[in-house]
Amino acid sequence: MDDLKKSKRTNIGSGVYFISAVFMMLSGLDVIKAILGILGIREGDTLIATVIVVILDVALGLYALYLFSKDRNKIAFGVLIILNITYIMPLMVGYNAKDIALYIVFVIPLSIIAYIVSIDYDGEKKYINMYISISTAVCVLAITYIIVLFVGDFDYIINDLGIRIVASYGVIAWLFMPAIFIMIPHYISLESHKNQQKVVIVLIKIMILAAAIYYTGLRTGIISTFFTVFVSAIIFLIVYRGERKKVKQVLLRVLAVTISFVLIYILCVTNIPKNSRLNVIYSTGSLAYETNLHDPDEVFVEPQSDSHAQVYDIQKQSYASAETVLLSYIVSSDQTRIETEKMLTEDANEGNEKYIILKGVENPEKFVFSMTKDRVNLWKTAIWEFEKSPIFGNGIRYYQLKYVDTFPHNIILELLADVGLAGTSAFVIFIFFGIVISLKRGIRNGNIDNIKVVISCLSMIPTYLLFTTVYSNPSILFAITFFSYNIYYHYKEKKK
């Protein structure tokens, strides 16, 4: 009877870790809606997908409560609650019910997963092993995606089957990135004397996942694969310092996976299918992906606007491009980006000449001031906003609320604009301290799996610096929660 109960607990635990891996791979509801589309379910697919995600949320929450009932560690459970209360607070600025709902459904579960991994017995090992267990299935998905890129009829897939998943390169990349972030450090640290064939199979799986990520054209994903190898090399060389045989293994594995990535990347960019976003990056072949499947606003400039048109700025009494003048007015104003764009557009259309004078522009009554939201402009405006209040910043979520529906695509610049040097320094110091303590604890306890989880967290750094926001970010909350528990247990174990 006891063996039966133990077996049931093991199965439940495995199910929860499977849900954890799935959650890390999801980017919203698109994947689930794609599966529903394949099954022929299109009516009410958003509601059904939401219900499925909520059920997964509840399963994670119940298992976390089960672990708490066994562990009875009120401090550890309190950390989980405090972190979520703290992290959700910025959403209360410019309150938006939808944002809070999305936080509850998609962000909180990642902190619960970090709690489970940290509290459960051998949690890190179970977490790593689950990714290894499902890696074959993930590779099958990767191969399927690549085949569809080359031979798939996208019009049929989207219009007839209604499967939008193929059109979102970011969602596709995120199906594969969590797995490769785990498998790279797993491969580099895997002992070869036990099963050389197993080592080769892991490398082949990594290569398949890398090819799929490269074909999505997600630049942060491409950079992250190489960055993960670099971070893994540095950390494992530190972990195995003094052990010549293991150091040699790390160096050889790093060389093998790096060469593999370079060769796969060359193969991908020299054999680009028409439906791959790599076409956009290299401007070769067809632009079918962007023009047919993506939001046209992300590709083309509005025809009635000209960001390079010469404008006389009445306040500064100087000439500059329309883009430069617009950015200057947005930064100096207390209004939102949209309000400033409207103000300058009306001034140009009506010929009021209160703020600007257009020069050499045909049909000024149709001219539209619209900020180009590329990274150069986003980074410039974030720096200029930071310079307005460098010590304590302009306020929580200041940039997002002012620039509306966008963010700097760099969490450090976003933090500098919002909370200044004081807040940014506190955040960076905590993260650095958490990384160091997590690695020290892993080395002290001989827990390589803990170190692999740390590396998977660090693998996200290129994404943090080139794409995502610091607010309501599931992977950031996972890392913060995981590092917090490592700090807590590090000092608790030292007392013993």
Protein backbone atom coordinates (compact mmCIF):
# COMPACT_ATOMS: atom_id res chain seq x y z
CA MET A 1 0.00 0.00 0.00
CA ASP A 2 2.86 2.37 0.88
CA ASP A 3 4.57 1.54 -2.42
CA LEU A 4 1.32 2.35 -4.28
CA LYS A 5 1.04 5.72 -2.54
CA LYS A 6 4.68 6.47 -3.30
CA SER A 7 4.11 5.54 -6.95
CA LYS A 8 1.10 7.88 -7.16
CA ARG A 9 3.10 10.73 -5.61
CA THR A 10 5.91 10.09 -8.10
CA ASN A 11 3.49 10.18 -11.04
CA ILE A 12 1.88 13.38 -9.78
CA GLY A 13 5.30 14.95 -9.30
CA SER A 14 6.37 13.94 -12.83
CA GLY A 15 3.15 15.42 -14.19
CA VAL A 16 3.85 18.71 -12.42
CA TYR A 17 7.40 18.88 -13.79
CA PHE A 18 6.01 18.16 -17.26
CA ILE A 19 3.57 21.07 -16.80
CA SER A 20 6.52 23.20 -15.65
CA ALA A 21 8.48 22.43 -18.82
CA VAL A 22 5.41 23.15 -20.98
CA PHE A 23 4.85 26.48 -19.22
CA MET A 24 8.43 27.55 -19.86
CA MET A 25 7.92 26.81 -23.57
CA LEU A 26 4.63 28.67 -23.91
CA SER A 27 4.45 32.28 -25.13
CA GLY A 28 0.83 33.12 -24.47
CA LEU A 29 -2.04 31.11 -25.90
CA ASP A 30 -0.84 30.73 -29.51
CA VAL A 31 0.61 27.23 -29.19
CA ILE A 32 -2.50 25.83 -27.55
CA LYS A 33 -4.72 27.59 -30.10
CA ALA A 34 -2.63 26.07 -32.90
CA ILE A 35 -3.18 22.59 -31.45
CA LEU A 36 -6.90 23.30 -31.19
CA GLY A 37 -6.83 24.46 -34.82
CA ILE A 38 -5.24 21.18 -35.89
CA LEU A 39 -8.01 19.35 -34.02
CA GLY A 40 -10.58 21.43 -35.91
CA ILE A 41 -11.59 23.55 -32.92
CA ARG A 42 -11.66 27.22 -33.94
CA GLU A 43 -14.84 28.59 -32.43
CA GLY A 44 -14.05 29.94 -28.96
CA ASP A 45 -10.43 28.74 -29.18
CA THR A 46 -9.15 31.68 -27.10
CA LEU A 47 -11.52 30.86 -24.24
CA ILE A 48 -10.72 27.14 -24.40
CA ALA A 49 -6.96 27.84 -24.47
CA THR A 50 -7.33 30.18 -21.48
CA VAL A 51 -9.25 27.54 -19.52
CA ILE A 52 -6.51 24.97 -20.27
CA VAL A 53 -3.80 27.35 -19.04
CA VAL A 54 -5.79 28.14 -15.88
CA ILE A 55 -6.12 24.39 -15.18
CA LEU A 56 -2.35 24.07 -15.51
CA ASP A 57 -1.98 27.07 -13.15
CA VAL A 58 -4.19 25.37 -10.57
CA ALA A 59 -2.22 22.11 -10.85
CA LEU A 60 1.04 23.96 -10.16
CA GLY A 61 -0.54 25.86 -7.26
CA LEU A 62 -1.94 22.72 -5.66
CA TYR A 63 1.41 20.93 -5.88
CA ALA A 64 3.13 23.95 -4.34
CA LEU A 65 0.62 23.84 -1.46
CA TYR A 66 1.25 20.09 -1.12
CA LEU A 67 4.99 20.72 -0.80
CA PHE A 68 4.32 23.45 1.75
CA SER A 69 2.16 21.06 3.78
CA LYS A 70 5.08 18.61 3.86
CA ASP A 71 7.87 21.14 4.33
CA ARG A 72 6.04 23.51 6.71
CA ASN A 73 8.60 26.19 5.95
CA LYS A 74 6.63 29.38 6.40
CA ILE A 75 9.62 31.58 5.53
CA ALA A 76 10.13 29.86 2.16
CA PHE A 77 6.44 30.12 1.32
CA GLY A 78 6.43 33.72 2.52
CA VAL A 79 9.25 34.53 0.10
CA LEU A 80 7.06 33.34 -2.76
CA ILE A 81 4.19 35.57 -1.68
CA ILE A 82 6.37 38.63 -1.02
CA LEU A 83 8.13 38.35 -4.38
CA ASN A 84 4.84 38.20 -6.27
CA ILE A 85 3.31 41.10 -4.34
CA THR A 86 6.42 43.16 -5.03
CA TYR A 87 6.59 42.24 -8.70
CA ILE A 88 2.92 42.91 -9.40
CA MET A 89 3.00 46.37 -7.78
CA PRO A 90 4.24 48.21 -10.93
CA LEU A 91 1.06 47.08 -12.70
CA MET A 92 -0.93 49.10 -10.17
CA VAL A 93 0.62 52.22 -11.73
CA GLY A 94 -1.62 52.98 -14.68
CA TYR A 95 -3.94 50.20 -13.51
CA ASN A 96 -5.01 47.85 -16.28
CA ALA A 97 -7.20 44.86 -15.45
CA LYS A 98 -6.01 42.95 -18.52
CA ASP A 99 -2.35 43.30 -17.52
CA ILE A 100 -3.09 42.03 -14.02
CA ALA A 101 -5.09 39.08 -15.39
CA LEU A 102 -2.20 38.17 -17.71
CA TYR A 103 0.20 38.43 -14.79
CA ILE A 104 -1.88 36.02 -12.70
CA VAL A 105 -2.29 33.51 -15.54
CA PHE A 106 1.19 33.61 -17.14
CA VAL A 107 3.71 35.19 -14.74
CA ILE A 108 2.89 33.90 -11.26
CA PRO A 109 3.14 30.25 -12.43
CA LEU A 110 6.83 30.76 -13.24
CA SER A 111 7.54 31.82 -9.67
CA ILE A 112 5.59 28.78 -8.44
CA ILE A 113 7.74 26.57 -10.68
CA ALA A 114 10.90 28.12 -9.17
CA TYR A 115 9.44 27.45 -5.69
CA ILE A 116 8.71 23.81 -6.57
CA VAL A 117 12.17 23.27 -8.08
CA SER A 118 13.82 24.83 -5.02
CA ILE A 119 11.70 23.20 -2.29
CA ASP A 120 11.09 19.72 -3.71
CA TYR A 121 13.59 16.97 -2.92
CA ASP A 122 16.01 16.78 -5.88
CA GLY A 123 13.84 19.42 -7.53
CA GLU A 124 16.59 20.72 -9.78
CA LYS A 125 17.41 17.19 -10.94
CA LYS A 126 13.74 16.42 -11.69
CA TYR A 127 13.44 19.70 -13.57
CA ILE A 128 16.51 18.99 -15.74
CA ASN A 129 15.52 15.35 -16.32
CA MET A 130 12.05 16.36 -17.50
CA TYR A 131 13.57 18.47 -20.29
CA ILE A 132 15.86 15.58 -21.24
CA SER A 133 12.83 13.24 -21.25
CA ILE A 134 10.79 15.42 -23.60
CA SER A 135 13.74 16.49 -25.76
CA THR A 136 12.99 13.89 -28.44
CA ALA A 137 9.40 15.15 -28.79
CA VAL A 138 10.63 18.76 -28.93
CA CYS A 139 13.12 17.80 -31.65
CA VAL A 140 10.31 16.20 -33.66
CA LEU A 141 8.44 19.52 -33.45
CA ALA A 142 11.60 21.33 -34.57
CA ILE A 143 12.05 19.05 -37.58
CA THR A 144 8.36 19.42 -38.46
CA TYR A 145 8.67 23.21 -38.34
CA ILE A 146 11.71 23.19 -40.65
CA ILE A 147 9.93 20.90 -43.13
CA VAL A 148 6.86 23.17 -43.12
CA LEU A 149 9.10 26.18 -43.85
CA PHE A 150 10.46 24.49 -46.96
CA VAL A 151 7.42 22.71 -48.35
CA GLY A 152 4.41 24.12 -46.50
CA ASP A 153 1.66 26.09 -48.19
CA PHE A 154 1.36 28.94 -45.71
CA ASP A 155 -1.80 30.37 -47.26
CA TYR A 156 -3.50 27.00 -46.77
CA ILE A 157 -2.14 26.55 -43.25
CA ILE A 158 -3.25 30.01 -42.11
CA ASN A 159 -6.42 30.68 -44.08
CA ASP A 160 -7.86 27.17 -44.37
CA LEU A 161 -6.59 25.51 -41.20
CA GLY A 162 -6.47 28.72 -39.17
CA ILE A 163 -3.15 27.82 -37.54
CA ARG A 164 -1.58 31.20 -36.75
CA ILE A 165 1.30 29.64 -34.81
CA VAL A 166 3.43 29.35 -37.96
CA ALA A 167 3.26 33.11 -38.47
CA SER A 168 4.77 34.07 -35.13
CA TYR A 169 8.52 33.50 -35.21
CA GLY A 170 8.93 34.49 -31.55
CA VAL A 171 6.38 31.93 -30.36
CA ILE A 172 8.04 29.22 -32.44
CA ALA A 173 11.52 30.08 -31.16
CA TRP A 174 10.28 29.96 -27.58
CA LEU A 175 9.07 26.41 -28.09
CA PHE A 176 12.70 25.37 -28.48
CA MET A 177 14.75 27.88 -26.49
CA PRO A 178 14.05 26.64 -22.92
CA ALA A 179 15.04 23.10 -23.94
CA ILE A 180 18.27 24.16 -25.62
CA PHE A 181 19.15 26.39 -22.64
CA ILE A 182 19.01 23.26 -20.46
CA MET A 183 20.57 20.82 -22.92
CA ILE A 184 23.70 22.86 -23.70
CA PRO A 185 25.02 22.87 -20.09
CA HIS A 186 23.77 19.28 -19.71
CA TYR A 187 25.83 18.22 -22.73
CA ILE A 188 28.96 20.09 -21.65
CA SER A 189 28.89 18.56 -18.15
CA LEU A 190 27.64 15.08 -19.10
CA GLU A 191 30.11 12.32 -18.15
CA SER A 192 31.22 10.52 -21.30
CA HIS A 193 32.78 7.37 -19.83
CA LYS A 194 29.35 6.02 -18.92
CA ASN A 195 27.67 6.27 -22.30
CA GLN A 196 29.42 7.92 -25.25
CA GLN A 197 26.46 7.23 -27.52
CA LYS A 198 24.20 9.19 -25.18
CA VAL A 199 26.54 12.17 -25.37
CA VAL A 200 26.43 12.14 -29.18
CA ILE A 201 22.62 11.90 -29.20
CA VAL A 202 22.36 14.94 -26.91
CA LEU A 203 24.61 16.94 -29.26
CA ILE A 204 22.50 15.93 -32.28
CA LYS A 205 19.34 17.07 -30.48
CA ILE A 206 20.98 20.40 -29.64
CA MET A 207 21.90 20.86 -33.31
CA ILE A 208 18.30 20.16 -34.41
CA LEU A 209 16.92 22.69 -31.93
CA ALA A 210 19.52 25.26 -32.98
CA ALA A 211 18.56 24.87 -36.65
CA ALA A 212 14.88 25.46 -35.82
CA ILE A 213 15.71 28.55 -33.76
CA TYR A 214 17.95 29.96 -36.49
CA TYR A 215 15.24 29.45 -39.11
CA THR A 216 12.75 31.42 -37.02
CA GLY A 217 15.02 34.41 -37.58
CA LEU A 218 14.68 35.50 -33.94
CA ARG A 219 17.93 37.39 -33.52
CA THR A 220 17.95 37.23 -29.73
CA GLY A 221 17.37 33.48 -30.00
CA ILE A 222 20.33 33.07 -32.37
CA ILE A 223 22.61 35.14 -30.14
CA SER A 224 21.40 33.31 -27.02
CA THR A 225 22.50 29.89 -28.29
CA PHE A 226 26.11 31.08 -28.62
CA PHE A 227 25.88 33.04 -25.37
CA THR A 228 24.69 29.93 -23.49
CA VAL A 229 27.76 28.02 -24.70
CA PHE A 230 30.00 30.88 -23.54
CA VAL A 231 28.37 31.10 -20.10
CA SER A 232 28.45 27.31 -19.69
CA ALA A 233 32.16 27.26 -20.55
CA ILE A 234 33.04 29.97 -18.01
CA ILE A 235 30.98 28.47 -15.20
CA PHE A 236 32.02 24.84 -15.67
CA LEU A 237 35.69 25.81 -15.95
CA ILE A 238 35.26 27.47 -12.55
CA VAL A 239 33.36 24.50 -11.13
CA TYR A 240 35.92 21.95 -12.36
CA ARG A 241 39.05 24.00 -11.76
CA GLY A 242 41.90 21.74 -10.64
CA GLU A 243 40.33 18.67 -12.29
CA ARG A 244 42.33 18.39 -15.51
CA LYS A 245 40.28 15.60 -17.04
CA LYS A 246 36.97 17.43 -16.58
CA VAL A 247 38.43 20.75 -17.70
CA LYS A 248 39.61 19.05 -20.89
CA GLN A 249 36.12 17.57 -21.39
CA VAL A 250 34.50 21.00 -20.97
CA LEU A 251 36.85 22.60 -23.50
CA LEU A 252 36.32 19.83 -26.06
CA ARG A 253 32.53 19.91 -25.64
CA VAL A 254 32.44 23.70 -25.91
CA LEU A 255 34.51 23.50 -29.08
CA ALA A 256 32.26 20.77 -30.52
CA VAL A 257 29.00 22.62 -29.88
CA THR A 258 30.43 25.98 -31.04
CA ILE A 259 31.65 24.51 -34.33
CA SER A 260 28.29 22.77 -34.73
CA PHE A 261 26.40 26.05 -34.23
CA VAL A 262 28.62 27.91 -36.71
CA LEU A 263 28.17 25.21 -39.35
CA ILE A 264 24.40 25.04 -38.78
CA TYR A 265 24.10 28.81 -38.98
CA ILE A 266 26.04 28.89 -42.27
CA LEU A 267 23.86 26.07 -43.59
CA CYS A 268 20.69 27.95 -42.58
CA VAL A 269 21.65 31.30 -44.09
CA THR A 270 22.75 29.66 -47.35
CA ASN A 271 19.53 27.64 -47.60
CA ILE A 272 16.75 30.01 -46.57
CA PRO A 273 13.19 28.87 -47.32
CA LYS A 274 10.83 31.57 -48.59
CA ASN A 275 8.74 31.42 -45.41
CA SER A 276 11.63 31.95 -42.98
CA ARG A 277 12.17 35.32 -41.33
CA LEU A 278 15.86 34.97 -42.13
CA ASN A 279 14.87 36.51 -45.45
CA VAL A 280 14.17 39.76 -43.62
CA ILE A 281 17.48 39.74 -41.78
CA TYR A 282 19.53 39.13 -44.90
CA SER A 283 17.20 40.79 -47.44
CA THR A 284 17.56 37.88 -49.80
CA GLY A 285 14.92 35.90 -51.61
CA SER A 286 11.25 36.45 -50.91
CA LEU A 287 9.80 38.71 -48.24
CA ALA A 288 6.74 36.47 -48.15
CA TYR A 289 7.01 35.96 -44.43
CA GLU A 290 6.84 39.63 -43.44
CA THR A 291 4.55 40.92 -46.18
CA ASN A 292 1.97 38.13 -46.00
CA LEU A 293 2.07 36.93 -42.43
CA HIS A 294 3.32 39.69 -40.19
CA ASP A 295 1.96 43.03 -39.08
CA PRO A 296 2.74 45.42 -41.96
CA ASP A 297 3.38 48.23 -39.47
CA GLU A 298 6.46 46.37 -38.31
CA VAL A 299 7.87 46.30 -41.82
CA PHE A 300 6.79 49.41 -43.71
CA VAL A 301 6.74 53.12 -42.87
CA GLU A 302 3.40 54.86 -43.28
CA PRO A 303 3.32 56.27 -46.84
CA GLN A 304 2.10 59.72 -45.77
CA SER A 305 4.93 60.26 -43.28
CA ASP A 306 8.58 60.98 -43.99
CA SER A 307 10.87 60.67 -41.00
CA HIS A 308 13.72 62.32 -42.94
CA ALA A 309 11.76 65.39 -44.06
CA GLN A 310 13.42 68.64 -43.01
CA VAL A 311 11.56 70.47 -40.25
CA TYR A 312 12.24 73.85 -38.68
CA ASP A 313 11.90 73.54 -34.92
CA ILE A 314 10.47 76.89 -33.79
CA GLN A 315 11.38 76.39 -30.12
CA LYS A 316 15.02 75.47 -30.84
CA GLN A 317 15.19 77.71 -33.92
CA SER A 318 17.03 75.10 -35.93
CA TYR A 319 16.49 72.60 -38.75
CA ALA A 320 16.41 68.85 -38.18
CA SER A 321 14.74 65.74 -39.56
CA ALA A 322 11.09 65.13 -38.66
CA GLU A 323 12.15 62.11 -36.62
CA THR A 324 14.69 64.08 -34.59
CA VAL A 325 12.24 66.90 -33.89
CA LEU A 326 9.51 64.45 -32.89
CA LEU A 327 11.78 62.56 -30.48
CA SER A 328 12.95 65.84 -28.95
CA TYR A 329 9.37 66.99 -28.33
CA ILE A 330 8.31 63.62 -26.90
CA VAL A 331 11.20 63.53 -24.42
CA SER A 332 10.79 67.15 -23.30
CA SER A 333 7.00 66.86 -22.96
CA ASP A 334 4.92 65.47 -20.11
CA GLN A 335 2.42 64.19 -22.64
CA THR A 336 2.34 60.63 -24.01
CA ARG A 337 4.01 59.78 -27.30
CA ILE A 338 0.63 59.56 -29.02
CA GLU A 339 -0.47 62.97 -27.75
CA THR A 340 2.78 64.59 -28.91
CA GLU A 341 2.51 62.94 -32.34
CA LYS A 342 -1.04 64.25 -32.64
CA MET A 343 0.01 67.75 -31.54
CA LEU A 344 2.79 68.05 -34.14
CA THR A 345 0.68 66.41 -36.87
CA GLU A 346 -2.15 68.93 -36.34
CA ASP A 347 0.36 71.79 -36.31
CA ALA A 348 1.76 70.59 -39.67
CA ASN A 349 -1.61 69.80 -41.29
CA GLU A 350 -3.24 73.08 -40.30
CA GLY A 351 -0.15 75.20 -40.97
CA ASN A 352 -0.32 76.83 -37.52
CA GLU A 353 3.49 77.00 -37.24
CA LYS A 354 3.25 76.98 -33.47
CA TYR A 355 5.86 74.26 -33.00
CA ILE A 356 7.28 73.39 -36.42
CA ILE A 357 7.50 74.53 -40.04
CA LEU A 358 7.70 71.92 -42.81
CA LYS A 359 10.16 72.59 -45.63
CA GLY A 360 9.93 71.09 -49.11
CA VAL A 361 7.09 68.71 -48.22
CA GLU A 362 4.33 68.04 -50.71
CA ASN A 363 0.82 67.92 -49.27
CA PRO A 364 1.71 69.10 -45.72
CA GLU A 365 -1.98 68.70 -44.86
CA LYS A 366 -1.44 64.90 -45.10
CA PHE A 367 1.87 64.79 -43.27
CA VAL A 368 1.90 62.52 -40.23
CA PHE A 369 4.36 62.58 -37.34
CA SER A 370 4.87 58.97 -36.22
CA MET A 371 7.76 57.67 -34.14
CA THR A 372 9.66 54.81 -35.72
CA LYS A 373 9.84 52.28 -32.89
CA ASP A 374 13.13 50.65 -33.82
CA ARG A 375 15.77 49.86 -31.22
CA VAL A 376 17.89 52.90 -32.04
CA ASN A 377 15.04 55.30 -31.26
CA LEU A 378 13.87 53.29 -28.25
CA TRP A 379 17.35 53.20 -26.75
CA LYS A 380 18.00 56.90 -27.48
CA THR A 381 14.77 58.03 -25.87
CA ALA A 382 15.36 55.81 -22.83
CA ILE A 383 18.81 57.36 -22.34
CA TRP A 384 17.41 60.87 -22.75
CA GLU A 385 14.63 60.13 -20.25
CA PHE A 386 17.26 58.80 -17.81
CA GLU A 387 19.30 61.99 -18.18
CA LYS A 388 16.26 63.99 -17.00
CA SER A 389 16.37 62.28 -13.59
CA PRO A 390 19.53 60.13 -13.31
CA ILE A 391 19.54 59.33 -9.59
CA PHE A 392 16.03 58.10 -8.80
CA GLY A 393 14.47 58.02 -12.27
CA ASN A 394 11.12 59.28 -13.48
CA GLY A 395 8.90 56.71 -11.78
CA ILE A 396 7.77 53.09 -12.05
CA ARG A 397 6.67 52.14 -15.60
CA TYR A 398 7.30 55.74 -16.66
CA TYR A 399 8.67 54.80 -20.07
CA GLN A 400 5.91 52.32 -20.94
CA LEU A 401 3.12 54.64 -19.86
CA LYS A 402 4.58 57.63 -21.71
CA TYR A 403 5.58 55.88 -24.93
CA VAL A 404 2.45 53.68 -25.03
CA ASP A 405 2.48 50.09 -26.29
CA THR A 406 6.26 49.87 -26.43
CA PHE A 407 9.33 49.67 -24.20
CA PRO A 408 13.10 50.21 -24.68
CA HIS A 409 13.85 46.54 -25.54
CA ASN A 410 16.61 46.65 -22.94
CA ILE A 411 15.80 46.11 -19.27
CA ILE A 412 18.81 48.11 -18.03
CA LEU A 413 17.84 51.18 -20.07
CA GLU A 414 14.23 50.73 -19.00
CA LEU A 415 15.24 50.59 -15.34
CA LEU A 416 17.51 53.62 -15.72
CA ALA A 417 14.68 55.66 -17.25
CA ASP A 418 12.19 54.52 -14.60
CA VAL A 419 14.13 54.13 -11.33
CA GLY A 420 17.48 55.74 -12.11
CA LEU A 421 20.91 54.67 -10.94
CA ALA A 422 19.66 53.91 -7.44
CA GLY A 423 17.01 51.38 -8.47
CA THR A 424 19.04 49.89 -11.31
CA SER A 425 22.08 49.39 -9.08
CA ALA A 426 19.98 47.67 -6.43
CA PHE A 427 18.50 45.32 -9.05
CA VAL A 428 21.86 44.47 -10.66
CA ILE A 429 23.56 43.93 -7.28
CA PHE A 430 20.81 41.57 -6.13
CA ILE A 431 20.94 39.54 -9.36
CA PHE A 432 24.74 39.34 -9.26
CA PHE A 433 24.68 38.33 -5.59
CA GLY A 434 22.02 35.71 -6.35
CA ILE A 435 24.09 34.24 -9.20
CA VAL A 436 27.24 34.03 -7.08
CA ILE A 437 25.48 32.46 -4.09
CA SER A 438 23.58 30.00 -6.31
CA LEU A 439 26.83 28.84 -7.91
CA LYS A 440 28.61 28.62 -4.56
CA ARG A 441 25.77 26.53 -3.14
CA GLY A 442 25.76 24.25 -6.17
CA ILE A 443 29.53 23.73 -5.96
CA ARG A 444 29.46 23.18 -2.18
CA ASN A 445 26.69 20.59 -2.41
CA GLY A 446 28.01 19.00 -5.61
CA ASN A 447 24.67 19.82 -7.19
CA ILE A 448 25.48 20.19 -10.89
CA ASP A 449 21.78 20.32 -11.74
CA ASN A 450 21.42 23.49 -9.65
CA ILE A 451 24.25 25.00 -11.69
CA LYS A 452 22.51 23.98 -14.94
CA VAL A 453 19.36 25.82 -13.84
CA VAL A 454 21.47 28.90 -13.07
CA ILE A 455 22.98 28.75 -16.57
CA SER A 456 19.51 28.44 -18.12
CA CYS A 457 18.54 31.64 -16.28
CA LEU A 458 21.65 33.44 -17.54
CA SER A 459 20.95 32.27 -21.09
CA MET A 460 18.18 34.87 -21.19
CA ILE A 461 20.57 37.82 -20.84
CA PRO A 462 20.70 38.62 -24.61
CA THR A 463 16.89 38.67 -24.64
CA TYR A 464 16.86 41.03 -21.65
CA LEU A 465 19.29 43.39 -23.36
CA LEU A 466 17.83 43.28 -26.87
CA PHE A 467 14.15 42.53 -26.71
CA THR A 468 12.01 42.18 -23.61
CA THR A 469 10.73 44.36 -20.77
CA VAL A 470 11.55 44.18 -17.07
CA TYR A 471 7.88 44.26 -16.04
CA SER A 472 5.59 41.22 -15.89
CA ASN A 473 8.38 39.11 -17.34
CA PRO A 474 7.91 35.40 -16.49
CA SER A 475 11.55 34.41 -16.99
CA ILE A 476 12.82 37.31 -14.86
CA LEU A 477 10.46 36.35 -12.03
CA PHE A 478 11.57 32.71 -12.32
CA ALA A 479 15.24 33.76 -12.03
CA ILE A 480 14.60 36.15 -9.13
CA THR A 481 12.61 33.50 -7.25
CA PHE A 482 15.18 30.77 -7.91
CA PHE A 483 18.09 32.98 -6.84
CA SER A 484 16.17 34.09 -3.72
CA TYR A 485 15.70 30.50 -2.58
CA ASN A 486 19.34 29.71 -3.23
CA ILE A 487 20.33 32.67 -1.05
CA TYR A 488 17.91 31.57 1.67
CA TYR A 489 19.01 27.93 1.71
CA HIS A 490 22.69 28.85 1.35
CA TYR A 491 22.66 30.66 4.69
CA LYS A 492 20.30 28.15 6.30
CA GLU A 493 22.63 25.27 5.36
CA LYS A 494 25.69 27.18 6.58
CA LYS A 495 24.14 27.50 10.05
CA LYS A 496 23.92 23.72 10.25
